Amino acid sequence: MLITEELRMNCCPITDAMRQLELHILSLMTLALLASCSRMDSGSSELPQAVVNIRASLDEAAPETKALVNFPERIQYGIFTCISANNVPAPATNYEQFKPSIWNAQADGSGTTWTYKNVASYATGELYSSGGNTFVLFGRNDNQTADLYAYAPWSLAAYASGPLAIPFSRDKDLMYATQNTARENHNLNPASGSPLNAAFSFRHVMARLIFRFRLLNDNTTMSVTLSSIKNNHPAGGTAVLYTSGTFNIIDGSLNDKQSTDELTNVKSCTAYYTADPAVYDSRSAIDFTLVPTEITEDDELTFTFSSGGFKLPFFVLKRDWVKHSDGTTYGFKAGYTYTFYFTLDNYVRFDGFNIQEWGAREDTLTHGVI
């Protein structure tokens, strides 16, 4: 307890040591108060602020559920809070930082449970270790309004790059909110005096490939590795294998892409036996992403699998296996899943394939020959 002047009159004289203790306690209280404010946002107690009610979903979801917070599994996505384009001379939007604490903030969770984490370090973009269950839009001294843009997965590097050129690698499932392009979450005013609203419908920008395996022999397992994807015609074909680049979350484009003739050590899985020849154990799958690419000729890509140090027969892609329903599009497109099925024994049998939108229930496979 702090010693007041009244107490001093009725007790022993105050020593220098006690005065030093008073000053030390006052200093600690001041630091604690400042820390509690800066944890959320510097000056947050003086400037207006408003809760933003966010509804996020996958763009591929059924229309009646798009307005709900509806993710099948955990996801961490990023939120850029920019000075509203309403306040920037037309036609350009500069995507300038609105507040550093909510520039590349993070939403973490699934279903209807979400945690929002703000930026703790304005030098590195690192987040606070804990967050809250609401996203708070803090005001500015100049009374600007804000636009919100979202992408997934959250990336620390995005704090420095901004929303137009986030570094990416091929093995990431990149998504952007479709509202970003139309700037639908715009002109949000922290001084509105009531809760604000924002909606993010996430769309995939990568293609997804799944190789499913089943064993004929019971009581056995088999480790399978996709050890290589090779571009057989890098100079003259249409297929391109990319390793990395930059991601523009406003329009979902992938830019500055770096290509290679061969991807190696792509991914592995363990294949299991199933009694039903139409069933493939969910664990027996090599599931990964590729940067979308056109494929208009047979034999442009070769997939090499190995097991126990031995190579399995080559799987050479035919263009009809990546032919879309319009009858004219061939290749790996953004937001689509391409599934290929194999049976393993003393031989490798290609059972078939299918194409569907990302996240859709797998169709009955179409048979093919290896």
Protein backbone atom coordinates (compact mmCIF):
# COMPACT_ATOMS: atom_id res chain seq x y z
CA MET A 1 0.00 0.00 0.00
CA LEU A 2 1.22 3.52 -0.80
CA ILE A 3 1.93 5.72 2.23
CA THR A 4 -0.15 8.92 2.17
CA GLU A 5 0.60 12.25 3.84
CA GLU A 6 -2.14 11.60 6.44
CA LEU A 7 -0.52 8.35 7.46
CA ARG A 8 2.84 9.99 7.63
CA MET A 9 1.56 12.42 10.27
CA ASN A 10 0.52 9.55 12.54
CA CYS A 11 3.45 7.22 12.23
CA CYS A 12 7.18 7.20 12.37
CA PRO A 13 9.18 9.53 10.07
CA ILE A 14 9.58 8.50 6.46
CA THR A 15 13.03 7.26 5.61
CA ASP A 16 14.81 7.65 2.28
CA ALA A 17 14.48 3.91 1.75
CA MET A 18 10.70 4.11 2.07
CA ARG A 19 10.53 7.00 -0.38
CA GLN A 20 12.54 4.96 -2.87
CA LEU A 21 10.12 2.06 -2.37
CA GLU A 22 7.15 4.38 -3.10
CA LEU A 23 8.75 5.60 -6.32
CA HIS A 24 9.56 2.04 -7.36
CA ILE A 25 5.96 0.89 -6.83
CA LEU A 26 4.60 3.89 -8.76
CA SER A 27 7.01 3.12 -11.60
CA LEU A 28 5.88 -0.51 -11.77
CA MET A 29 2.20 0.51 -11.83
CA THR A 30 2.83 2.96 -14.66
CA LEU A 31 4.69 0.35 -16.71
CA ALA A 32 1.91 -2.18 -16.16
CA LEU A 33 -0.71 0.31 -17.34
CA LEU A 34 1.27 1.15 -20.47
CA ALA A 35 1.85 -2.52 -21.21
CA SER A 36 -1.85 -3.29 -20.98
CA CYS A 37 -2.59 -0.58 -23.55
CA SER A 38 0.25 -1.31 -25.96
CA ARG A 39 -0.62 -5.01 -25.97
CA MET A 40 -3.63 -4.15 -28.07
CA ASP A 41 -2.63 -0.91 -29.72
CA SER A 42 -0.72 2.17 -28.69
CA GLY A 43 -3.13 4.95 -27.76
CA SER A 44 -6.13 2.60 -27.90
CA SER A 45 -7.62 4.18 -24.78
CA GLU A 46 -7.67 7.61 -26.42
CA LEU A 47 -8.81 6.78 -29.96
CA PRO A 48 -12.14 5.28 -31.11
CA GLN A 49 -12.37 1.56 -31.72
CA ALA A 50 -14.99 -0.85 -32.98
CA VAL A 51 -15.46 -4.61 -33.03
CA VAL A 52 -15.62 -6.10 -36.53
CA ASN A 53 -17.90 -9.13 -36.79
CA ILE A 54 -16.17 -11.36 -39.33
CA ARG A 55 -17.81 -14.17 -41.27
CA ALA A 56 -15.40 -16.44 -43.13
CA SER A 57 -16.07 -19.44 -45.37
CA LEU A 58 -14.64 -21.39 -48.25
CA ASP A 59 -15.78 -20.13 -51.62
CA GLU A 60 -16.47 -23.71 -52.68
CA ALA A 61 -19.05 -24.12 -49.89
CA ALA A 62 -22.73 -24.41 -50.69
CA PRO A 63 -24.43 -21.00 -51.17
CA GLU A 64 -26.62 -21.41 -48.10
CA THR A 65 -23.55 -21.81 -45.84
CA LYS A 66 -21.24 -19.19 -47.35
CA ALA A 67 -22.22 -16.55 -44.82
CA LEU A 68 -21.24 -18.81 -41.91
CA VAL A 69 -17.86 -19.33 -40.28
CA ASN A 70 -17.44 -22.71 -41.85
CA PHE A 71 -14.09 -24.44 -42.22
CA PRO A 72 -13.72 -28.24 -42.21
CA GLU A 73 -10.40 -28.07 -40.36
CA ARG A 74 -8.14 -25.63 -38.58
CA ILE A 75 -6.91 -22.67 -40.59
CA GLN A 76 -4.81 -19.59 -39.86
CA TYR A 77 -5.48 -16.67 -42.14
CA GLY A 78 -4.09 -13.16 -42.30
CA ILE A 79 -5.93 -9.84 -42.28
CA PHE A 80 -4.44 -6.69 -43.79
CA THR A 81 -6.01 -3.46 -42.55
CA CYS A 82 -5.35 -0.69 -45.10
CA ILE A 83 -6.25 2.97 -45.35
CA SER A 84 -9.53 2.95 -47.22
CA ALA A 85 -9.35 3.42 -50.97
CA ASN A 86 -12.21 5.89 -50.46
CA ASN A 87 -9.55 8.24 -49.15
CA VAL A 88 -7.04 7.65 -51.96
CA PRO A 89 -7.30 9.54 -55.27
CA ALA A 90 -8.87 7.38 -58.00
CA PRO A 91 -8.19 5.09 -59.68
CA ALA A 92 -5.29 3.70 -57.67
CA THR A 93 -5.34 1.99 -54.29
CA ASN A 94 -2.00 2.15 -52.53
CA TYR A 95 -2.83 -0.44 -49.84
CA GLU A 96 -1.15 1.66 -47.18
CA GLN A 97 -0.90 0.45 -43.62
CA PHE A 98 -3.79 1.62 -41.44
CA LYS A 99 -2.37 0.60 -38.05
CA PRO A 100 0.77 -1.51 -37.53
CA SER A 101 -0.92 -3.60 -34.83
CA ILE A 102 -3.54 -4.89 -37.29
CA TRP A 103 -1.37 -4.99 -40.41
CA ASN A 104 -1.13 -8.74 -41.10
CA ALA A 105 -3.05 -9.75 -37.99
CA GLN A 106 -3.95 -13.42 -37.64
CA ALA A 107 -7.22 -15.32 -37.31
CA ASP A 108 -6.67 -18.79 -35.89
CA GLY A 109 -9.30 -21.48 -35.51
CA SER A 110 -12.06 -23.48 -37.14
CA GLY A 111 -15.81 -23.81 -37.04
CA THR A 112 -17.26 -21.01 -34.94
CA THR A 113 -14.29 -20.61 -32.57
CA TRP A 114 -11.69 -18.04 -33.58
CA THR A 115 -8.79 -16.24 -31.93
CA TYR A 116 -7.49 -12.97 -33.36
CA LYS A 117 -3.86 -12.06 -32.69
CA ASN A 118 -2.40 -8.60 -33.25
CA VAL A 119 1.15 -7.65 -34.16
CA ALA A 120 3.45 -7.31 -31.13
CA SER A 121 6.68 -6.32 -32.88
CA TYR A 122 6.39 -3.50 -35.41
CA ALA A 123 9.95 -4.31 -36.57
CA THR A 124 9.43 -8.00 -37.40
CA GLY A 125 5.65 -8.47 -37.55
CA GLU A 126 5.66 -11.17 -34.86
CA LEU A 127 2.38 -11.67 -33.07
CA TYR A 128 1.36 -11.67 -29.44
CA SER A 129 1.39 -15.20 -28.03
CA SER A 130 -2.30 -14.92 -27.13
CA GLY A 131 -5.27 -13.09 -28.61
CA GLY A 132 -8.95 -12.35 -28.18
CA ASN A 133 -12.16 -13.72 -29.63
CA THR A 134 -12.98 -10.48 -31.46
CA PHE A 135 -11.22 -8.46 -34.13
CA VAL A 136 -10.96 -4.83 -33.05
CA LEU A 137 -10.48 -1.97 -35.50
CA PHE A 138 -8.52 0.79 -33.78
CA GLY A 139 -8.87 4.39 -34.93
CA ARG A 140 -6.27 6.89 -36.13
CA ASN A 141 -5.52 10.48 -35.19
CA ASP A 142 -6.53 11.65 -38.67
CA ASN A 143 -9.93 9.85 -38.58
CA GLN A 144 -9.24 7.69 -41.64
CA THR A 145 -11.48 4.71 -42.41
CA ALA A 146 -10.21 1.22 -43.27
CA ASP A 147 -10.46 -1.55 -45.86
CA LEU A 148 -9.89 -5.20 -44.90
CA TYR A 149 -8.21 -7.84 -47.09
CA ALA A 150 -7.67 -11.49 -46.15
CA TYR A 151 -5.53 -14.39 -47.35
CA ALA A 152 -4.39 -17.83 -46.16
CA PRO A 153 -2.31 -19.30 -44.74
CA TRP A 154 -1.01 -16.54 -42.47
CA SER A 155 2.64 -15.70 -43.19
CA LEU A 156 5.08 -13.74 -41.06
CA ALA A 157 6.89 -12.60 -44.22
CA ALA A 158 3.69 -10.86 -45.36
CA TYR A 159 4.17 -8.13 -42.75
CA ALA A 160 7.21 -6.82 -44.65
CA SER A 161 6.03 -7.59 -48.18
CA GLY A 162 2.50 -6.22 -47.92
CA PRO A 163 -0.52 -7.74 -49.69
CA LEU A 164 0.73 -7.50 -53.28
CA ALA A 165 3.82 -9.72 -53.23
CA ILE A 166 3.84 -12.26 -50.40
CA PRO A 167 6.61 -14.86 -50.93
CA PHE A 168 5.29 -18.41 -51.43
CA SER A 169 6.59 -21.92 -52.02
CA ARG A 170 4.91 -24.58 -54.14
CA ASP A 171 3.83 -26.75 -51.21
CA LYS A 172 1.49 -24.14 -49.68
CA ASP A 173 -2.30 -24.20 -50.09
CA LEU A 174 -2.72 -20.51 -50.92
CA MET A 175 -6.11 -18.79 -50.74
CA TYR A 176 -7.44 -15.26 -51.02
CA ALA A 177 -10.80 -13.75 -50.10
CA THR A 178 -12.89 -13.07 -53.19
CA GLN A 179 -14.09 -9.83 -51.57
CA ASN A 180 -10.55 -8.47 -51.87
CA THR A 181 -10.85 -7.93 -55.62
CA ALA A 182 -14.11 -6.02 -55.43
CA ARG A 183 -13.01 -4.23 -52.23
CA GLU A 184 -16.24 -5.25 -50.51
CA ASN A 185 -14.97 -4.90 -46.94
CA HIS A 186 -14.34 -1.19 -47.37
CA ASN A 187 -14.67 2.15 -45.62
CA LEU A 188 -14.98 0.68 -42.12
CA ASN A 189 -15.13 3.46 -39.56
CA PRO A 190 -13.80 2.74 -36.05
CA ALA A 191 -15.73 5.77 -34.78
CA SER A 192 -19.06 4.39 -36.00
CA GLY A 193 -20.27 3.75 -32.46
CA SER A 194 -21.58 0.28 -33.33
CA PRO A 195 -20.12 -3.08 -34.41
CA LEU A 196 -18.91 -3.38 -38.01
CA ASN A 197 -19.14 -6.34 -40.38
CA ALA A 198 -16.80 -8.05 -42.83
CA ALA A 199 -17.04 -11.26 -44.88
CA PHE A 200 -14.24 -13.38 -46.35
CA SER A 201 -14.97 -16.15 -48.87
CA PHE A 202 -11.68 -17.93 -49.50
CA ARG A 203 -10.75 -19.28 -52.93
CA HIS A 204 -7.85 -21.63 -53.71
CA VAL A 205 -5.18 -20.41 -56.10
CA MET A 206 -3.24 -23.69 -56.33
CA ALA A 207 -4.09 -27.03 -57.93
CA ARG A 208 -4.30 -30.08 -55.70
CA LEU A 209 -3.00 -33.53 -56.68
CA ILE A 210 -3.78 -36.73 -54.78
CA PHE A 211 -2.27 -40.15 -55.48
CA ARG A 212 -4.20 -42.90 -53.69
CA PHE A 213 -2.84 -46.44 -53.19
CA ARG A 214 -4.20 -49.76 -52.01
CA LEU A 215 -2.44 -53.09 -51.38
CA LEU A 216 -3.76 -56.47 -52.48
CA ASN A 217 -2.10 -58.42 -49.67
CA ASP A 218 -3.51 -58.36 -46.13
CA ASN A 219 -1.37 -57.74 -43.02
CA THR A 220 1.11 -55.67 -44.97
CA THR A 221 2.02 -52.03 -45.42
CA MET A 222 4.21 -50.32 -47.96
CA SER A 223 5.99 -46.97 -47.85
CA VAL A 224 5.60 -45.01 -51.08
CA THR A 225 7.46 -41.81 -51.99
CA LEU A 226 6.80 -39.49 -54.89
CA SER A 227 10.48 -38.98 -55.52
CA SER A 228 10.26 -36.92 -58.71
CA ILE A 229 8.03 -34.96 -61.05
CA LYS A 230 9.91 -34.31 -64.26
CA ASN A 231 9.08 -31.97 -67.12
CA ASN A 232 9.95 -33.99 -70.22
CA HIS A 233 9.66 -31.04 -72.63
CA PRO A 234 10.71 -27.89 -70.74
CA ALA A 235 11.62 -26.06 -73.94
CA GLY A 236 8.72 -26.94 -76.19
CA GLY A 237 5.82 -28.16 -74.05
CA THR A 238 3.07 -26.27 -72.24
CA ALA A 239 3.59 -27.81 -68.79
CA VAL A 240 5.68 -25.77 -66.34
CA LEU A 241 6.83 -26.82 -62.88
CA TYR A 242 7.22 -23.93 -60.46
CA THR A 243 8.98 -23.88 -57.09
CA SER A 244 8.20 -20.42 -55.69
CA GLY A 245 7.16 -16.84 -56.44
CA THR A 246 5.02 -14.06 -55.00
CA PHE A 247 1.32 -14.03 -54.17
CA ASN A 248 -0.97 -11.05 -54.79
CA ILE A 249 -3.90 -11.45 -52.40
CA ILE A 250 -6.00 -8.75 -54.06
CA ASP A 251 -6.62 -10.67 -57.28
CA GLY A 252 -5.20 -14.09 -56.31
CA SER A 253 -2.45 -13.98 -58.93
CA LEU A 254 0.92 -15.74 -58.61
CA ASN A 255 3.82 -13.69 -59.96
CA ASP A 256 7.61 -13.76 -60.31
CA LYS A 257 7.36 -17.55 -60.54
CA GLN A 258 10.56 -19.59 -60.50
CA SER A 259 10.48 -22.72 -62.68
CA THR A 260 12.41 -25.98 -62.62
CA ASP A 261 12.73 -29.00 -64.89
CA GLU A 262 12.19 -31.40 -61.99
CA LEU A 263 10.67 -31.39 -58.52
CA THR A 264 12.27 -33.94 -56.17
CA ASN A 265 11.30 -35.59 -52.87
CA VAL A 266 7.77 -34.30 -53.20
CA LYS A 267 5.95 -36.30 -50.50
CA SER A 268 5.48 -39.77 -49.01
CA CYS A 269 2.78 -41.98 -47.53
CA THR A 270 2.18 -45.51 -46.26
CA ALA A 271 -0.07 -47.74 -48.34
CA TYR A 272 -2.49 -50.11 -46.58
CA TYR A 273 -4.57 -53.12 -47.53
CA THR A 274 -8.33 -52.77 -48.05
CA ALA A 275 -10.62 -55.74 -48.70
CA ASP A 276 -12.94 -53.76 -50.97
CA PRO A 277 -11.28 -53.03 -54.34
CA ALA A 278 -13.31 -49.83 -54.60
CA VAL A 279 -12.01 -48.48 -51.26
CA TYR A 280 -8.69 -46.74 -50.73
CA ASP A 281 -7.59 -46.19 -47.12
CA SER A 282 -7.61 -42.44 -46.39
CA ARG A 283 -4.09 -42.74 -44.95
CA SER A 284 -2.78 -44.21 -48.22
CA ALA A 285 -2.50 -40.93 -50.08
CA ILE A 286 0.17 -38.55 -51.28
CA ASP A 287 -1.62 -35.19 -51.20
CA PHE A 288 0.13 -31.99 -52.35
CA THR A 289 -0.26 -28.74 -54.29
CA LEU A 290 1.13 -27.46 -57.58
CA VAL A 291 1.13 -24.07 -59.21
CA PRO A 292 -1.52 -24.30 -61.96
CA THR A 293 -0.23 -25.11 -65.42
CA GLU A 294 -1.64 -25.91 -68.84
CA ILE A 295 -0.99 -29.37 -70.29
CA THR A 296 -1.92 -29.84 -73.93
CA GLU A 297 0.24 -32.80 -75.00
CA ASP A 298 0.69 -36.38 -73.85
CA ASP A 299 3.79 -37.34 -71.86
CA GLU A 300 4.74 -33.81 -70.76
CA LEU A 301 5.14 -34.85 -67.11
CA THR A 302 6.58 -38.03 -65.61
CA PHE A 303 5.89 -39.00 -61.98
CA THR A 304 8.42 -41.32 -60.39
CA PHE A 305 7.53 -43.27 -57.25
CA SER A 306 9.84 -45.35 -55.11
CA SER A 307 9.51 -47.79 -52.23
CA GLY A 308 12.21 -49.35 -50.08
CA GLY A 309 14.90 -47.71 -52.19
CA PHE A 310 13.53 -49.14 -55.45
CA LYS A 311 11.84 -47.18 -58.21
CA LEU A 312 8.35 -48.19 -59.23
CA PRO A 313 7.28 -48.05 -62.90
CA PHE A 314 7.10 -44.51 -64.27
CA PHE A 315 3.69 -42.83 -64.39
CA VAL A 316 3.59 -40.66 -67.51
CA LEU A 317 0.69 -38.21 -67.66
CA LYS A 318 -1.74 -38.27 -70.58
CA ARG A 319 -3.55 -35.05 -71.38
CA ASP A 320 -6.98 -36.74 -71.36
CA TRP A 321 -6.48 -37.43 -67.64
CA VAL A 322 -6.50 -33.67 -67.00
CA LYS A 323 -9.27 -32.78 -69.44
CA HIS A 324 -12.00 -30.61 -67.93
CA SER A 325 -15.72 -30.82 -68.49
CA ASP A 326 -15.75 -28.00 -71.04
CA GLY A 327 -13.91 -30.32 -73.40
CA THR A 328 -11.27 -27.76 -74.33
CA THR A 329 -9.33 -27.09 -71.11
CA TYR A 330 -6.42 -29.39 -70.28
CA GLY A 331 -4.15 -29.10 -67.27
CA PHE A 332 -4.00 -28.41 -63.56
CA LYS A 333 -6.32 -25.49 -62.75
CA ALA A 334 -6.60 -23.41 -59.61
CA GLY A 335 -9.19 -24.72 -57.16
CA TYR A 336 -9.42 -28.22 -58.64
CA THR A 337 -8.37 -31.60 -57.25
CA TYR A 338 -6.87 -34.28 -59.52
CA THR A 339 -6.96 -37.75 -58.00
CA PHE A 340 -5.16 -40.81 -59.38
CA TYR A 341 -5.72 -44.34 -58.04
CA PHE A 342 -3.26 -47.25 -57.93
CA THR A 343 -3.19 -50.86 -56.76
CA LEU A 344 0.16 -52.20 -55.56
CA ASP A 345 1.32 -55.81 -55.45
CA ASN A 346 4.26 -57.31 -57.30
CA TYR A 347 3.18 -54.87 -59.99
CA VAL A 348 1.65 -51.39 -60.17
CA ARG A 349 -1.81 -51.04 -61.67
CA PHE A 350 -3.32 -47.67 -62.52
CA ASP A 351 -6.98 -47.96 -61.57
CA GLY A 352 -8.26 -44.60 -62.77
CA PHE A 353 -8.63 -40.91 -62.07
CA ASN A 354 -11.12 -38.11 -61.48
CA ILE A 355 -11.29 -34.32 -61.42
CA GLN A 356 -13.52 -32.29 -59.10
CA GLU A 357 -13.59 -28.92 -57.43
CA TRP A 358 -11.36 -28.67 -54.37
CA GLY A 359 -13.12 -30.08 -51.33
CA ALA A 360 -15.93 -31.79 -53.26
CA ARG A 361 -16.81 -35.42 -52.60
CA GLU A 362 -14.75 -37.66 -54.86
CA ASP A 363 -16.62 -38.88 -57.92
CA THR A 364 -16.63 -42.43 -59.20
CA LEU A 365 -13.23 -42.85 -60.78
CA THR A 366 -12.79 -43.00 -64.53
CA HIS A 367 -10.67 -45.96 -65.55
CA GLY A 368 -7.41 -45.45 -67.34
CA VAL A 369 -4.51 -47.58 -68.47
CA ILE A 370 -0.89 -47.10 -67.50
